[in-house]
Amino acid sequence: MDKLTLQVEARTDMGKKAQQVRTSGKVPGVIYGRGDTNQAVAVDALVFAKAYQKAGQSGLIELSVGDAKPVNVLIQDVQTNHLGRPLHVDFYQVKMDETIRTEVPLKLVGEAPGAFNLGGSLVQVLEEVEVEALPANLPSTIEVDVSGLEELESSLSVADLKTPDKVTILTDTHELVCRVESPRSEEEMAELDAEMGEEVKPEDADTAETDEAEATE
C-alpha cells in the first residue's frame, strides 16, 4: 500500500478548549511514540476522515506538522461520539527500522459456494488479527478468499490465511475466521419468532407509541 500524506497544524494555545477546535471543523489530536515529546495537533475533519478510511490503524501515514520535517505515524486510536464522528485522534510515531505490533482487519473476498448455492449463511467470526512487521510492510487489510467454502459448515481459520510478504501473524492459528452456517430448520425459525415476540410485549408496544407521541408534541 502506498504511503498516505496528511497535513496537520500544531496546537500551541493549550488554553483553547477541544470543543472549540471541533466547532471550527477540525479534530484535536496528539502525536506520541518515538518523538522526543508528545505534540498536540489539529487536523481538518474531512481530510482526516478520508485518510482514516484508506489507512485504517495499520496504514502508514507521512504526517506534516506545519513546516516541520514530516514524520511517519500510524493512527493508533480514534475516539468518536455516538454518531461515529471523530472527537480525538492519537497518532503513533514509528521508526522505519523497528518492527511493531498492531491489529489488521480481515476482509472477506469472493463468493462461498456453500452459502451461494446451498442456502447457507457466511458468517465472519474474526474481524482482525494481530501482526508484527516493519511499518513499511504493514497491510491496511488482509484479504480472506472464501471461494473454497463449498459445503455447509465448512470454515477457515487463521492458519488458512495467506500471510503478506514480511508480515508475521501473531494471532492463534486455530482461531476461527469464518464459516458457512447451515440454514435454520422450520422448528428453529418458529422458536426464534417466539423469542422475538416475547421481547416486545403488547403493553410495551403501547407504551412506546405513547412515549413517541409525547416526544413529538
N, C-alpha and C. Protein backbone atom coordinates (compact mmCIF):
# COMPACT_ATOMS: atom_id res chain seq x y z
N MET A 1 0.84 -1.20 0.00
CA MET A 1 0.00 0.00 0.00
C MET A 1 0.87 1.25 0.00
N ASP A 2 0.56 2.24 -0.83
CA ASP A 2 1.32 3.48 -0.89
C ASP A 2 1.12 4.27 0.39
N LYS A 3 2.19 4.96 0.78
CA LYS A 3 2.11 5.78 1.99
C LYS A 3 1.22 7.00 1.74
N LEU A 4 0.35 7.28 2.68
CA LEU A 4 -0.52 8.45 2.60
C LEU A 4 0.19 9.64 3.22
N THR A 5 -0.20 10.83 2.80
CA THR A 5 0.33 12.05 3.41
C THR A 5 -0.83 12.81 4.04
N LEU A 6 -0.53 13.47 5.16
CA LEU A 6 -1.57 14.19 5.89
C LEU A 6 -0.95 15.43 6.51
N GLN A 7 -1.59 16.57 6.30
CA GLN A 7 -1.11 17.83 6.85
C GLN A 7 -1.93 18.17 8.10
N VAL A 8 -1.23 18.49 9.18
CA VAL A 8 -1.90 18.90 10.41
C VAL A 8 -1.26 20.19 10.89
N GLU A 9 -1.89 20.82 11.86
CA GLU A 9 -1.33 22.04 12.43
C GLU A 9 -1.07 21.84 13.91
N ALA A 10 -0.02 22.48 14.40
CA ALA A 10 0.32 22.38 15.82
C ALA A 10 -0.67 23.19 16.63
N ARG A 11 -1.00 22.67 17.81
CA ARG A 11 -1.85 23.41 18.74
C ARG A 11 -0.94 23.98 19.83
N THR A 12 -0.65 25.24 19.68
CA THR A 12 0.23 25.89 20.66
C THR A 12 -0.55 26.54 21.79
N ASP A 13 -1.77 26.93 21.51
CA ASP A 13 -2.61 27.56 22.53
C ASP A 13 -3.37 26.47 23.27
N MET A 14 -2.76 25.90 24.30
CA MET A 14 -3.39 24.80 25.02
C MET A 14 -4.56 25.26 25.88
N GLY A 15 -4.73 26.57 26.00
CA GLY A 15 -5.89 27.06 26.74
C GLY A 15 -7.15 26.98 25.90
N LYS A 16 -6.99 26.75 24.61
CA LYS A 16 -8.13 26.64 23.71
C LYS A 16 -8.79 25.29 23.89
N LYS A 17 -10.07 25.26 24.23
CA LYS A 17 -10.75 24.03 24.51
C LYS A 17 -10.91 23.16 23.26
N ALA A 18 -10.89 21.85 23.48
CA ALA A 18 -11.01 20.91 22.35
C ALA A 18 -12.32 21.10 21.61
N GLN A 19 -13.38 21.44 22.32
CA GLN A 19 -14.67 21.62 21.67
C GLN A 19 -14.64 22.77 20.68
N GLN A 20 -13.87 23.81 21.00
CA GLN A 20 -13.75 24.93 20.07
C GLN A 20 -13.02 24.50 18.80
N VAL A 21 -12.06 23.59 18.96
CA VAL A 21 -11.35 23.05 17.80
C VAL A 21 -12.33 22.29 16.91
N ARG A 22 -13.16 21.48 17.53
CA ARG A 22 -14.14 20.70 16.76
C ARG A 22 -15.15 21.60 16.07
N THR A 23 -15.57 22.65 16.76
CA THR A 23 -16.54 23.58 16.18
C THR A 23 -15.98 24.24 14.92
N SER A 24 -14.67 24.40 14.86
CA SER A 24 -14.05 25.02 13.69
C SER A 24 -13.85 24.04 12.54
N GLY A 25 -14.33 22.81 12.71
CA GLY A 25 -14.23 21.82 11.63
C GLY A 25 -12.97 20.98 11.68
N LYS A 26 -12.30 20.98 12.83
CA LYS A 26 -11.07 20.22 12.97
C LYS A 26 -11.21 19.17 14.07
N VAL A 27 -10.29 18.21 14.06
CA VAL A 27 -10.25 17.17 15.09
C VAL A 27 -8.98 17.34 15.90
N PRO A 28 -9.07 17.52 17.21
CA PRO A 28 -7.86 17.60 18.03
C PRO A 28 -7.18 16.24 18.13
N GLY A 29 -5.87 16.27 18.30
CA GLY A 29 -5.14 15.01 18.40
C GLY A 29 -3.80 15.20 19.06
N VAL A 30 -3.04 14.12 19.14
CA VAL A 30 -1.71 14.17 19.74
C VAL A 30 -0.80 13.19 19.01
N ILE A 31 0.46 13.58 18.85
CA ILE A 31 1.49 12.71 18.29
C ILE A 31 2.38 12.24 19.44
N TYR A 32 2.56 10.94 19.55
CA TYR A 32 3.42 10.40 20.60
C TYR A 32 4.16 9.19 20.05
N GLY A 33 5.02 8.62 20.87
CA GLY A 33 5.74 7.43 20.42
C GLY A 33 7.23 7.66 20.37
N ARG A 34 7.81 7.65 19.15
CA ARG A 34 9.26 7.72 19.00
C ARG A 34 9.79 9.15 19.02
N GLY A 35 8.93 10.13 19.11
CA GLY A 35 9.39 11.51 19.19
C GLY A 35 9.91 11.83 20.58
N ASP A 36 10.56 12.99 20.70
CA ASP A 36 11.11 13.40 21.99
C ASP A 36 10.00 13.71 22.99
N THR A 37 8.97 14.41 22.53
CA THR A 37 7.86 14.78 23.40
C THR A 37 6.55 14.61 22.66
N ASN A 38 5.47 14.50 23.41
CA ASN A 38 4.15 14.48 22.80
C ASN A 38 3.83 15.86 22.23
N GLN A 39 3.12 15.87 21.11
CA GLN A 39 2.77 17.13 20.47
C GLN A 39 1.29 17.18 20.17
N ALA A 40 0.63 18.21 20.65
CA ALA A 40 -0.79 18.40 20.38
C ALA A 40 -0.97 19.00 18.99
N VAL A 41 -1.94 18.45 18.25
CA VAL A 41 -2.18 18.91 16.88
C VAL A 41 -3.68 18.99 16.61
N ALA A 42 -4.02 19.54 15.46
CA ALA A 42 -5.40 19.57 14.99
C ALA A 42 -5.37 19.28 13.49
N VAL A 43 -6.38 18.52 13.02
CA VAL A 43 -6.43 18.14 11.61
C VAL A 43 -7.84 18.38 11.08
N ASP A 44 -7.93 18.82 9.85
CA ASP A 44 -9.23 19.06 9.22
C ASP A 44 -10.05 17.78 9.27
N ALA A 45 -11.30 17.87 9.73
CA ALA A 45 -12.13 16.69 9.96
C ALA A 45 -12.39 15.91 8.67
N LEU A 46 -12.68 16.59 7.59
CA LEU A 46 -12.99 15.90 6.33
C LEU A 46 -11.74 15.24 5.74
N VAL A 47 -10.61 15.93 5.82
CA VAL A 47 -9.36 15.38 5.32
C VAL A 47 -8.97 14.14 6.13
N PHE A 48 -9.14 14.24 7.45
CA PHE A 48 -8.80 13.10 8.30
C PHE A 48 -9.70 11.91 8.01
N ALA A 49 -10.99 12.15 7.81
CA ALA A 49 -11.93 11.06 7.55
C ALA A 49 -11.53 10.27 6.31
N LYS A 50 -11.10 10.98 5.27
CA LYS A 50 -10.67 10.31 4.04
C LYS A 50 -9.39 9.50 4.27
N ALA A 51 -8.46 10.06 5.03
CA ALA A 51 -7.20 9.37 5.29
C ALA A 51 -7.45 8.13 6.15
N TYR A 52 -8.31 8.27 7.13
CA TYR A 52 -8.59 7.14 8.04
C TYR A 52 -9.30 6.01 7.30
N GLN A 53 -10.17 6.38 6.36
CA GLN A 53 -10.87 5.37 5.57
C GLN A 53 -9.88 4.55 4.75
N LYS A 54 -8.84 5.16 4.25
CA LYS A 54 -7.85 4.47 3.43
C LYS A 54 -6.82 3.73 4.28
N ALA A 55 -6.35 4.36 5.33
CA ALA A 55 -5.24 3.81 6.10
C ALA A 55 -5.67 2.89 7.23
N GLY A 56 -6.83 3.15 7.82
CA GLY A 56 -7.22 2.39 8.99
C GLY A 56 -6.20 2.61 10.10
N GLN A 57 -5.96 1.58 10.92
CA GLN A 57 -5.00 1.70 12.01
C GLN A 57 -3.68 0.97 11.72
N SER A 58 -3.52 0.52 10.48
CA SER A 58 -2.27 -0.17 10.14
C SER A 58 -1.60 0.41 8.90
N GLY A 59 -2.23 1.39 8.27
CA GLY A 59 -1.63 2.02 7.10
C GLY A 59 -0.70 3.16 7.50
N LEU A 60 0.49 3.17 6.93
CA LEU A 60 1.49 4.17 7.27
C LEU A 60 1.12 5.53 6.68
N ILE A 61 1.28 6.57 7.50
CA ILE A 61 0.95 7.93 7.08
C ILE A 61 2.16 8.83 7.30
N GLU A 62 2.47 9.64 6.30
CA GLU A 62 3.52 10.65 6.43
C GLU A 62 2.84 11.93 6.90
N LEU A 63 3.10 12.29 8.15
CA LEU A 63 2.39 13.39 8.79
C LEU A 63 3.26 14.64 8.81
N SER A 64 2.72 15.73 8.28
CA SER A 64 3.44 17.00 8.28
C SER A 64 2.78 17.96 9.26
N VAL A 65 3.58 18.46 10.20
CA VAL A 65 3.09 19.43 11.18
C VAL A 65 3.63 20.80 10.80
N GLY A 66 2.78 21.60 10.19
CA GLY A 66 3.23 22.90 9.73
C GLY A 66 4.34 22.75 8.71
N ASP A 67 5.45 23.48 8.94
CA ASP A 67 6.60 23.44 8.03
C ASP A 67 7.68 22.48 8.52
N ALA A 68 7.42 21.75 9.60
CA ALA A 68 8.42 20.85 10.15
C ALA A 68 8.60 19.63 9.25
N LYS A 69 9.71 18.91 9.45
CA LYS A 69 10.00 17.71 8.68
C LYS A 69 8.93 16.65 8.94
N PRO A 70 8.38 16.01 7.91
CA PRO A 70 7.33 15.00 8.09
C PRO A 70 7.81 13.83 8.95
N VAL A 71 6.88 13.23 9.66
CA VAL A 71 7.18 12.04 10.47
C VAL A 71 6.25 10.92 10.04
N ASN A 72 6.67 9.69 10.26
CA ASN A 72 5.87 8.52 9.91
C ASN A 72 5.05 8.07 11.12
N VAL A 73 3.75 7.94 10.91
CA VAL A 73 2.86 7.61 12.02
C VAL A 73 1.84 6.56 11.59
N LEU A 74 1.22 5.96 12.60
CA LEU A 74 0.03 5.14 12.43
C LEU A 74 -1.09 5.81 13.22
N ILE A 75 -2.32 5.64 12.77
CA ILE A 75 -3.46 6.11 13.55
C ILE A 75 -3.71 5.08 14.63
N GLN A 76 -3.31 5.40 15.84
CA GLN A 76 -3.34 4.43 16.92
C GLN A 76 -4.71 4.28 17.55
N ASP A 77 -5.42 5.39 17.69
CA ASP A 77 -6.73 5.33 18.34
C ASP A 77 -7.57 6.53 17.92
N VAL A 78 -8.85 6.30 17.73
CA VAL A 78 -9.78 7.38 17.37
C VAL A 78 -10.98 7.31 18.30
N GLN A 79 -11.21 8.37 19.04
CA GLN A 79 -12.39 8.46 19.89
C GLN A 79 -13.51 9.10 19.08
N THR A 80 -14.70 8.51 19.15
CA THR A 80 -15.84 9.01 18.38
C THR A 80 -17.04 9.24 19.29
N ASN A 81 -18.00 10.02 18.78
CA ASN A 81 -19.25 10.20 19.51
C ASN A 81 -20.24 9.12 19.07
N HIS A 82 -21.48 9.23 19.53
CA HIS A 82 -22.48 8.20 19.23
C HIS A 82 -22.85 8.15 17.76
N LEU A 83 -22.50 9.20 17.01
CA LEU A 83 -22.78 9.23 15.58
C LEU A 83 -21.59 8.74 14.75
N GLY A 84 -20.51 8.39 15.44
CA GLY A 84 -19.32 7.92 14.74
C GLY A 84 -18.39 9.02 14.28
N ARG A 85 -18.66 10.27 14.68
CA ARG A 85 -17.80 11.37 14.28
C ARG A 85 -16.58 11.43 15.20
N PRO A 86 -15.38 11.62 14.63
CA PRO A 86 -14.18 11.62 15.46
C PRO A 86 -14.12 12.81 16.40
N LEU A 87 -13.76 12.53 17.65
CA LEU A 87 -13.61 13.57 18.66
C LEU A 87 -12.15 13.83 19.00
N HIS A 88 -11.32 12.80 18.85
CA HIS A 88 -9.89 12.93 19.17
C HIS A 88 -9.14 11.79 18.50
N VAL A 89 -7.91 12.06 18.06
CA VAL A 89 -7.13 11.03 17.38
C VAL A 89 -5.72 10.98 17.97
N ASP A 90 -5.22 9.76 18.15
CA ASP A 90 -3.84 9.55 18.59
C ASP A 90 -3.02 9.07 17.40
N PHE A 91 -1.94 9.80 17.09
CA PHE A 91 -1.01 9.39 16.05
C PHE A 91 0.23 8.81 16.74
N TYR A 92 0.61 7.59 16.36
CA TYR A 92 1.78 6.94 16.96
C TYR A 92 2.96 7.04 16.00
N GLN A 93 4.00 7.77 16.40
CA GLN A 93 5.18 7.93 15.56
C GLN A 93 6.05 6.68 15.61
N VAL A 94 6.45 6.18 14.45
CA VAL A 94 7.21 4.93 14.38
C VAL A 94 8.60 5.18 13.80
N LYS A 95 9.49 4.20 14.04
CA LYS A 95 10.81 4.19 13.40
C LYS A 95 10.76 3.13 12.31
N MET A 96 11.18 3.49 11.12
CA MET A 96 11.02 2.62 9.96
C MET A 96 11.86 1.35 10.04
N ASP A 97 12.88 1.33 10.90
CA ASP A 97 13.74 0.14 11.00
C ASP A 97 13.41 -0.71 12.23
N GLU A 98 12.29 -0.44 12.88
CA GLU A 98 11.88 -1.23 14.05
C GLU A 98 10.51 -1.86 13.80
N THR A 99 10.41 -3.17 14.06
CA THR A 99 9.13 -3.85 13.88
C THR A 99 8.14 -3.39 14.95
N ILE A 100 6.88 -3.41 14.60
CA ILE A 100 5.82 -3.05 15.54
C ILE A 100 4.71 -4.08 15.46
N ARG A 101 3.89 -4.09 16.49
CA ARG A 101 2.72 -4.97 16.53
C ARG A 101 1.46 -4.12 16.46
N THR A 102 0.51 -4.56 15.66
CA THR A 102 -0.74 -3.85 15.56
C THR A 102 -1.83 -4.80 15.06
N GLU A 103 -3.07 -4.32 15.06
CA GLU A 103 -4.19 -5.11 14.58
C GLU A 103 -4.49 -4.74 13.12
N VAL A 104 -4.73 -5.76 12.30
CA VAL A 104 -5.07 -5.55 10.88
C VAL A 104 -6.42 -6.19 10.61
N PRO A 105 -7.37 -5.45 10.04
CA PRO A 105 -8.69 -6.02 9.76
C PRO A 105 -8.66 -7.07 8.65
N LEU A 106 -9.58 -8.03 8.75
CA LEU A 106 -9.74 -9.07 7.73
C LEU A 106 -10.89 -8.70 6.81
N LYS A 107 -10.70 -8.92 5.51
CA LYS A 107 -11.73 -8.60 4.52
C LYS A 107 -12.05 -9.84 3.71
N LEU A 108 -13.30 -10.30 3.80
CA LEU A 108 -13.72 -11.47 3.04
C LEU A 108 -13.91 -11.09 1.57
N VAL A 109 -13.34 -11.91 0.68
CA VAL A 109 -13.48 -11.65 -0.76
C VAL A 109 -13.94 -12.93 -1.46
N GLY A 110 -14.61 -12.75 -2.59
CA GLY A 110 -15.10 -13.90 -3.35
C GLY A 110 -16.48 -14.34 -2.85
N GLU A 111 -16.99 -15.43 -3.44
CA GLU A 111 -18.28 -15.98 -3.06
C GLU A 111 -18.09 -17.39 -2.53
N ALA A 112 -18.76 -17.69 -1.43
CA ALA A 112 -18.68 -19.03 -0.83
C ALA A 112 -19.79 -19.89 -1.43
N PRO A 113 -19.45 -20.92 -2.23
CA PRO A 113 -20.47 -21.78 -2.85
C PRO A 113 -21.43 -22.39 -1.83
N GLY A 114 -20.93 -22.72 -0.64
CA GLY A 114 -21.78 -23.31 0.37
C GLY A 114 -22.90 -22.39 0.80
N ALA A 115 -22.66 -21.10 0.72
CA ALA A 115 -23.70 -20.12 1.06
C ALA A 115 -24.51 -19.75 -0.17
N PHE A 116 -23.82 -19.54 -1.29
CA PHE A 116 -24.49 -19.06 -2.51
C PHE A 116 -25.36 -20.14 -3.14
N ASN A 117 -24.91 -21.39 -3.13
CA ASN A 117 -25.63 -22.46 -3.82
C ASN A 117 -26.48 -23.35 -2.91
N LEU A 118 -26.08 -23.45 -1.64
CA LEU A 118 -26.75 -24.39 -0.74
C LEU A 118 -27.64 -23.72 0.30
N GLY A 119 -27.77 -22.40 0.22
CA GLY A 119 -28.68 -21.71 1.13
C GLY A 119 -28.12 -21.43 2.51
N GLY A 120 -26.81 -21.62 2.68
CA GLY A 120 -26.19 -21.35 3.97
C GLY A 120 -25.92 -19.86 4.16
N SER A 121 -25.41 -19.52 5.31
CA SER A 121 -25.08 -18.13 5.61
C SER A 121 -23.59 -18.03 5.93
N LEU A 122 -22.90 -17.13 5.26
CA LEU A 122 -21.48 -16.91 5.51
C LEU A 122 -21.34 -15.98 6.71
N VAL A 123 -20.70 -16.45 7.75
CA VAL A 123 -20.56 -15.68 8.99
C VAL A 123 -19.08 -15.42 9.27
N GLN A 124 -18.74 -14.15 9.44
CA GLN A 124 -17.37 -13.79 9.80
C GLN A 124 -17.27 -13.73 11.31
N VAL A 125 -16.42 -14.58 11.87
CA VAL A 125 -16.27 -14.69 13.32
C VAL A 125 -15.17 -13.78 13.83
N LEU A 126 -14.08 -13.68 13.08
CA LEU A 126 -12.91 -12.88 13.49
C LEU A 126 -12.78 -11.68 12.57
N GLU A 127 -12.74 -10.48 13.16
CA GLU A 127 -12.71 -9.25 12.37
C GLU A 127 -11.29 -8.77 12.08
N GLU A 128 -10.33 -9.11 12.94
CA GLU A 128 -8.96 -8.64 12.76
C GLU A 128 -7.97 -9.60 13.39
N VAL A 129 -6.72 -9.49 12.99
CA VAL A 129 -5.65 -10.31 13.57
C VAL A 129 -4.50 -9.40 14.00
N GLU A 130 -3.73 -9.88 14.97
CA GLU A 130 -2.55 -9.14 15.40
C GLU A 130 -1.36 -9.57 14.53
N VAL A 131 -0.62 -8.58 14.06
CA VAL A 131 0.53 -8.87 13.20
C VAL A 131 1.77 -8.15 13.72
N GLU A 132 2.92 -8.58 13.21
CA GLU A 132 4.19 -7.92 13.51
C GLU A 132 4.93 -7.72 12.20
N ALA A 133 5.42 -6.50 11.99
CA ALA A 133 6.13 -6.20 10.74
C ALA A 133 6.81 -4.84 10.86
N LEU A 134 7.69 -4.56 9.92
CA LEU A 134 8.22 -3.21 9.81
C LEU A 134 7.10 -2.29 9.34
N PRO A 135 7.08 -1.04 9.75
CA PRO A 135 5.98 -0.13 9.38
C PRO A 135 5.68 -0.09 7.89
N ALA A 136 6.72 -0.11 7.06
CA ALA A 136 6.51 -0.01 5.62
C ALA A 136 5.84 -1.25 5.04
N ASN A 137 5.86 -2.37 5.76
CA ASN A 137 5.30 -3.62 5.24
C ASN A 137 3.89 -3.91 5.77
N LEU A 138 3.38 -3.05 6.63
CA LEU A 138 2.07 -3.30 7.21
C LEU A 138 0.96 -3.16 6.17
N PRO A 139 0.09 -4.15 6.03
CA PRO A 139 -1.04 -4.03 5.10
C PRO A 139 -2.20 -3.31 5.78
N SER A 140 -3.01 -2.62 5.01
CA SER A 140 -4.18 -1.95 5.59
C SER A 140 -5.27 -2.98 5.90
N THR A 141 -5.33 -4.07 5.11
CA THR A 141 -6.24 -5.18 5.34
C THR A 141 -5.58 -6.48 4.89
N ILE A 142 -6.10 -7.60 5.36
CA ILE A 142 -5.70 -8.91 4.87
C ILE A 142 -6.92 -9.56 4.25
N GLU A 143 -6.83 -9.90 2.97
CA GLU A 143 -7.98 -10.49 2.27
C GLU A 143 -8.10 -11.98 2.58
N VAL A 144 -9.34 -12.41 2.74
CA VAL A 144 -9.63 -13.82 3.02
C VAL A 144 -10.50 -14.35 1.88
N ASP A 145 -9.94 -15.23 1.06
CA ASP A 145 -10.67 -15.79 -0.08
C ASP A 145 -11.61 -16.90 0.40
N VAL A 146 -12.92 -16.69 0.25
CA VAL A 146 -13.90 -17.67 0.73
C VAL A 146 -14.44 -18.56 -0.38
N SER A 147 -13.85 -18.48 -1.57
CA SER A 147 -14.37 -19.25 -2.70
C SER A 147 -14.20 -20.75 -2.52
N GLY A 148 -13.37 -21.17 -1.57
CA GLY A 148 -13.17 -22.60 -1.33
C GLY A 148 -14.14 -23.20 -0.33
N LEU A 149 -15.03 -22.39 0.22
CA LEU A 149 -16.02 -22.89 1.18
C LEU A 149 -17.22 -23.45 0.41
N GLU A 150 -17.11 -24.71 -0.01
CA GLU A 150 -18.11 -25.30 -0.91
C GLU A 150 -19.24 -26.03 -0.19
N GLU A 151 -19.03 -26.37 1.07
CA GLU A 151 -20.03 -27.15 1.80
C GLU A 151 -20.58 -26.38 2.99
N LEU A 152 -21.75 -26.80 3.46
CA LEU A 152 -22.30 -26.25 4.68
C LEU A 152 -21.39 -26.64 5.85
N GLU A 153 -21.20 -25.73 6.77
CA GLU A 153 -20.34 -25.90 7.95
C GLU A 153 -18.84 -25.92 7.61
N SER A 154 -18.48 -25.65 6.36
CA SER A 154 -17.06 -25.51 6.03
C SER A 154 -16.56 -24.18 6.60
N SER A 155 -15.27 -24.11 6.90
CA SER A 155 -14.76 -22.93 7.59
C SER A 155 -13.30 -22.65 7.24
N LEU A 156 -12.85 -21.47 7.65
CA LEU A 156 -11.45 -21.07 7.51
C LEU A 156 -10.96 -20.58 8.87
N SER A 157 -9.72 -20.91 9.19
CA SER A 157 -9.12 -20.45 10.44
C SER A 157 -7.93 -19.54 10.11
N VAL A 158 -7.31 -19.01 11.13
CA VAL A 158 -6.15 -18.14 10.94
C VAL A 158 -5.04 -18.88 10.19
N ALA A 159 -4.93 -20.17 10.41
CA ALA A 159 -3.90 -20.96 9.73
C ALA A 159 -4.08 -20.97 8.22
N ASP A 160 -5.30 -20.70 7.74
CA ASP A 160 -5.58 -20.72 6.30
C ASP A 160 -5.28 -19.38 5.63
N LEU A 161 -4.97 -18.36 6.40
CA LEU A 161 -4.74 -17.04 5.83
C LEU A 161 -3.43 -17.01 5.05
N LYS A 162 -3.44 -16.28 3.94
CA LYS A 162 -2.23 -16.08 3.17
C LYS A 162 -1.52 -14.86 3.73
N THR A 163 -0.38 -15.09 4.35
CA THR A 163 0.35 -14.02 5.02
C THR A 163 1.06 -13.14 4.00
N PRO A 164 0.85 -11.83 4.08
CA PRO A 164 1.57 -10.92 3.18
C PRO A 164 3.08 -11.03 3.39
N ASP A 165 3.84 -10.64 2.38
CA ASP A 165 5.30 -10.71 2.48
C ASP A 165 5.80 -9.91 3.68
N LYS A 166 6.73 -10.51 4.41
CA LYS A 166 7.42 -9.86 5.53
C LYS A 166 6.48 -9.46 6.66
N VAL A 167 5.36 -10.16 6.76
CA VAL A 167 4.40 -9.91 7.84
C VAL A 167 4.17 -11.20 8.60
N THR A 168 4.26 -11.14 9.92
CA THR A 168 4.04 -12.31 10.75
C THR A 168 2.72 -12.15 11.51
N ILE A 169 1.83 -13.14 11.38
CA ILE A 169 0.57 -13.11 12.11
C ILE A 169 0.79 -13.74 13.47
N LEU A 170 0.42 -13.02 14.52
CA LEU A 170 0.64 -13.46 15.89
C LEU A 170 -0.60 -14.11 16.52
N THR A 171 -1.76 -13.89 15.93
CA THR A 171 -2.99 -14.47 16.45
C THR A 171 -2.93 -16.00 16.38
N ASP A 172 -3.51 -16.67 17.35
CA ASP A 172 -3.54 -18.14 17.40
C ASP A 172 -4.05 -18.71 16.08
N THR A 173 -3.27 -19.63 15.50
CA THR A 173 -3.62 -20.18 14.19
C THR A 173 -4.91 -21.00 14.22
N HIS A 174 -5.36 -21.43 15.41
CA HIS A 174 -6.57 -22.23 15.50
C HIS A 174 -7.85 -21.38 15.56
N GLU A 175 -7.70 -20.07 15.70
CA GLU A 175 -8.88 -19.24 15.81
C GLU A 175 -9.69 -19.25 14.51
N LEU A 176 -11.01 -19.35 14.66
CA LEU A 176 -11.91 -19.40 13.51
C LEU A 176 -12.07 -18.01 12.90
N VAL A 177 -11.96 -17.95 11.58
CA VAL A 177 -12.13 -16.68 10.87
C VAL A 177 -13.55 -16.54 10.34
N CYS A 178 -14.03 -17.56 9.63
CA CYS A 178 -15.38 -17.51 9.07
C CYS A 178 -15.87 -18.93 8.82
N ARG A 179 -17.18 -19.07 8.66
CA ARG A 179 -17.76 -20.39 8.37
C ARG A 179 -19.08 -20.21 7.64
N VAL A 180 -19.50 -21.29 6.99
CA VAL A 180 -20.80 -21.31 6.33
C VAL A 180 -21.77 -22.05 7.25
N GLU A 181 -22.72 -21.33 7.79
CA GLU A 181 -23.70 -21.93 8.68
C GLU A 181 -24.85 -22.53 7.89
N SER A 182 -25.34 -23.67 8.34
CA SER A 182 -26.48 -24.33 7.69
C SER A 182 -27.73 -23.48 7.88
N PRO A 183 -28.66 -23.55 6.92
CA PRO A 183 -29.91 -22.79 7.08
C PRO A 183 -30.70 -23.31 8.28
N ARG A 184 -31.44 -22.43 8.93
CA ARG A 184 -32.23 -22.82 10.09
C ARG A 184 -33.40 -23.70 9.67
N SER A 185 -33.73 -24.65 10.52
CA SER A 185 -34.88 -25.50 10.26
C SER A 185 -36.16 -24.74 10.58
N GLU A 186 -37.30 -25.28 10.16
CA GLU A 186 -38.59 -24.64 10.44
C GLU A 186 -38.82 -24.55 11.94
N GLU A 187 -38.39 -25.59 12.68
CA GLU A 187 -38.56 -25.57 14.13
C GLU A 187 -37.72 -24.46 14.76
N GLU A 188 -36.49 -24.29 14.28
CA GLU A 188 -35.63 -23.24 14.81
C GLU A 188 -36.18 -21.86 14.51
N MET A 189 -36.73 -21.70 13.29
CA MET A 189 -37.31 -20.40 12.93
C MET A 189 -38.53 -20.09 13.79
N ALA A 190 -39.34 -21.13 14.08
CA ALA A 190 -40.52 -20.93 14.92
C ALA A 190 -40.11 -20.52 16.33
N GLU A 191 -39.06 -21.17 16.86
CA GLU A 191 -38.57 -20.82 18.19
C GLU A 191 -38.03 -19.39 18.21
N LEU A 192 -37.33 -19.00 17.14
CA LEU A 192 -36.79 -17.65 17.06
C LEU A 192 -37.91 -16.62 17.01
N ASP A 193 -38.96 -16.90 16.21
CA ASP A 193 -40.09 -15.98 16.13
C ASP A 193 -40.76 -15.84 17.49
N ALA A 194 -40.87 -16.96 18.21
CA ALA A 194 -41.49 -16.93 19.53
C ALA A 194 -40.68 -16.09 20.49
N GLU A 195 -39.36 -16.23 20.44
CA GLU A 195 -38.49 -15.46 21.32
C GLU A 195 -38.59 -13.97 21.00
N MET A 196 -38.63 -13.64 19.72
CA MET A 196 -38.73 -12.23 19.33
C MET A 196 -40.06 -11.65 19.77
N GLY A 197 -41.12 -12.45 19.71
CA GLY A 197 -42.43 -11.99 20.14
C GLY A 197 -42.49 -11.70 21.62
N GLU A 198 -41.75 -12.49 22.40
CA GLU A 198 -41.74 -12.29 23.84
C GLU A 198 -40.96 -11.04 24.23
N GLU A 199 -40.00 -10.65 23.40
CA GLU A 199 -39.18 -9.49 23.72
C GLU A 199 -39.99 -8.20 23.66
N VAL A 200 -40.98 -8.11 22.78
CA VAL A 200 -41.82 -6.93 22.66
C VAL A 200 -43.25 -7.31 23.00
N LYS A 201 -43.64 -7.11 24.24
CA LYS A 201 -45.00 -7.42 24.68
C LYS A 201 -45.96 -6.33 24.21
N PRO A 202 -47.25 -6.64 24.05
CA PRO A 202 -48.23 -5.65 23.58
C PRO A 202 -48.23 -4.39 24.43
N GLU A 203 -48.15 -4.54 25.78
CA GLU A 203 -48.19 -3.36 26.62
C GLU A 203 -46.94 -2.49 26.44
N ASP A 204 -45.79 -3.17 26.12
CA ASP A 204 -44.57 -2.42 25.86
C ASP A 204 -44.71 -1.61 24.58
N ALA A 205 -45.32 -2.20 23.56
CA ALA A 205 -45.51 -1.51 22.29
C ALA A 205 -46.41 -0.31 22.48
N ASP A 206 -47.51 -0.45 23.29
CA ASP A 206 -48.41 0.67 23.53
C ASP A 206 -47.69 1.80 24.24
N THR A 207 -46.84 1.44 25.22
CA THR A 207 -46.09 2.45 25.96
C THR A 207 -45.12 3.19 25.05
N ALA A 208 -44.47 2.42 24.16
CA ALA A 208 -43.52 3.03 23.23
C ALA A 208 -44.22 4.01 22.31
N GLU A 209 -45.43 3.66 21.82
CA GLU A 209 -46.17 4.55 20.95
C GLU A 209 -46.58 5.82 21.68
N THR A 210 -46.97 5.67 22.95
CA THR A 210 -47.37 6.84 23.74
C THR A 210 -46.19 7.77 23.96
N ASP A 211 -45.04 7.20 24.31
CA ASP A 211 -43.84 7.99 24.53
C ASP A 211 -43.44 8.74 23.26
N GLU A 212 -43.54 8.06 22.11
CA GLU A 212 -43.18 8.68 20.83
C GLU A 212 -44.09 9.85 20.52
N ALA A 213 -45.38 9.67 20.79
CA ALA A 213 -46.34 10.73 20.53
C ALA A 213 -46.08 11.93 21.42
N GLU A 214 -45.77 11.68 22.70
CA GLU A 214 -45.49 12.79 23.62
C GLU A 214 -44.23 13.54 23.20
N ALA A 215 -43.27 12.79 22.65
CA ALA A 215 -42.00 13.41 22.26
C ALA A 215 -42.17 14.35 21.09
N THR A 216 -43.19 14.14 20.25
CA THR A 216 -43.39 14.96 19.07
C THR A 216 -44.24 16.19 19.35
N GLU A 217 -44.77 16.27 20.56
CA GLU A 217 -45.62 17.40 20.88
C GLU A 217 -44.81 18.64 21.23
